Amino acid sequence: AWKYGYISWLGVAPEVQRKHLGDRLCRAVERIMKDDGVRMILVDTEAGNTPAVSFFKRQGFTSRRSHVWLGKTLKPSAKSAGLNSRAKAVSTRAKGRLPKRTSD
């Protein structure tokens, strides 16, 4: 079975762009994933994000039209909404037990 890696977000601050920092970051992530046994790295971005698409293509990523990635956003179920309410209630109760913050 193949092991996959996924770059969920990679960005460089505008003031340090065009200094190859993104290239170095991407190579470092690739090296770490390779050492961990990853066989394929996945990354996604909006099709209209031309700078990102160009960047990743320069890094050797390809867009294969033979494979389709699909996504689905799930609406919270009644059960998960109930869990969230209980978690919030526990969190609120726990806050009452925490020491008050002092100003610096």
Protein backbone atom coordinates (compact mmCIF):
# COMPACT_ATOMS: atom_id res chain seq x y z
CA ALA A 1 0.00 0.00 0.00
CA TRP A 2 1.23 3.46 -0.83
CA LYS A 3 1.72 6.02 1.87
CA TYR A 4 0.51 9.51 0.98
CA GLY A 5 1.61 12.90 2.27
CA TYR A 6 -0.48 16.02 2.02
CA ILE A 7 0.61 19.65 2.01
CA SER A 8 -2.43 21.44 3.35
CA TRP A 9 -0.97 24.94 3.31
CA LEU A 10 2.32 26.50 2.29
CA GLY A 11 2.89 30.21 2.12
CA VAL A 12 5.64 32.77 2.31
CA ALA A 13 5.22 36.30 3.68
CA PRO A 14 5.19 38.92 0.91
CA GLU A 15 8.33 40.63 2.19
CA VAL A 16 10.41 37.46 1.70
CA GLN A 17 8.89 36.22 -1.54
CA ARG A 18 11.13 35.82 -4.59
CA LYS A 19 14.02 34.68 -2.36
CA HIS A 20 13.51 30.93 -2.98
CA LEU A 21 12.25 30.33 0.57
CA GLY A 22 9.19 28.51 -0.79
CA ASP A 23 11.45 26.27 -2.87
CA ARG A 24 13.52 25.41 0.21
CA LEU A 25 10.41 24.76 2.31
CA CYS A 26 8.92 22.48 -0.31
CA ARG A 27 12.19 20.51 -0.69
CA ALA A 28 12.46 20.14 3.10
CA VAL A 29 8.86 18.86 3.37
CA GLU A 30 9.52 16.45 0.49
CA ARG A 31 12.71 15.16 2.15
CA ILE A 32 10.93 14.61 5.50
CA MET A 33 8.03 12.81 3.82
CA LYS A 34 10.38 10.66 1.74
CA ASP A 35 12.33 9.69 4.88
CA ASP A 36 8.97 8.73 6.45
CA GLY A 37 8.16 6.37 3.57
CA VAL A 38 5.71 8.60 1.69
CA ARG A 39 5.39 7.62 -1.97
CA MET A 40 3.12 10.42 -3.20
CA ILE A 41 2.62 14.00 -2.03
CA LEU A 42 -0.72 15.65 -2.68
CA VAL A 43 -1.42 19.35 -2.70
CA ASP A 44 -4.45 21.30 -3.79
CA THR A 45 -5.24 24.89 -4.56
CA GLU A 46 -7.92 26.76 -6.39
CA ALA A 47 -7.56 26.48 -10.16
CA GLY A 48 -7.54 30.29 -10.43
CA ASN A 49 -4.58 30.65 -8.05
CA THR A 50 -2.10 30.90 -10.92
CA PRO A 51 0.96 31.74 -8.75
CA ALA A 52 0.38 28.65 -6.57
CA VAL A 53 -0.28 26.36 -9.55
CA SER A 54 2.89 27.63 -11.25
CA PHE A 55 4.91 27.23 -8.05
CA PHE A 56 3.87 23.62 -7.52
CA LYS A 57 4.42 22.75 -11.18
CA ARG A 58 7.97 24.11 -10.85
CA GLN A 59 8.38 21.78 -7.85
CA GLY A 60 7.49 18.80 -10.06
CA PHE A 61 3.82 18.40 -9.18
CA THR A 62 1.53 17.50 -12.06
CA SER A 63 -2.17 17.79 -12.67
CA ARG A 64 -3.48 14.46 -13.86
CA ARG A 65 -6.83 14.66 -15.50
CA SER A 66 -7.24 10.88 -15.24
CA HIS A 67 -7.73 11.17 -11.48
CA VAL A 68 -10.56 13.16 -10.00
CA TRP A 69 -10.56 14.47 -6.43
CA LEU A 70 -14.01 14.93 -4.98
CA GLY A 71 -15.00 16.59 -1.74
CA LYS A 72 -18.16 16.82 0.28
CA THR A 73 -18.95 19.19 3.13
CA LEU A 74 -21.01 17.45 5.78
CA LYS A 75 -23.69 19.24 7.75
CA PRO A 76 -23.55 18.62 11.50
CA SER A 77 -25.87 15.85 12.59
CA ALA A 78 -28.16 16.15 15.59
CA LYS A 79 -25.85 13.76 17.43
CA SER A 80 -22.71 15.82 16.72
CA ALA A 81 -24.55 19.03 17.61
CA GLY A 82 -25.43 17.44 20.97
CA LEU A 83 -21.80 16.48 21.50
CA ASN A 84 -20.71 20.02 20.75
CA SER A 85 -23.22 21.40 23.26
CA ARG A 86 -21.97 19.02 25.95
CA ALA A 87 -18.33 19.89 25.17
CA LYS A 88 -19.12 23.60 25.47
CA ALA A 89 -20.89 23.02 28.78
CA VAL A 90 -17.90 21.09 30.16
CA SER A 91 -15.53 23.78 28.88
CA THR A 92 -17.63 26.52 30.51
CA ARG A 93 -17.68 24.66 33.82
CA ALA A 94 -13.90 24.08 33.63
CA LYS A 95 -13.30 27.80 33.07
CA GLY A 96 -14.96 28.50 36.41
CA ARG A 97 -12.33 26.33 38.11
CA LEU A 98 -9.35 28.02 36.47
CA PRO A 99 -7.45 30.68 38.40
CA LYS A 100 -8.20 34.22 37.34
CA ARG A 101 -5.65 35.84 35.04
CA THR A 102 -3.58 38.61 36.51
CA SER A 103 -2.47 41.57 34.45
CA ASP A 104 1.23 41.92 33.66
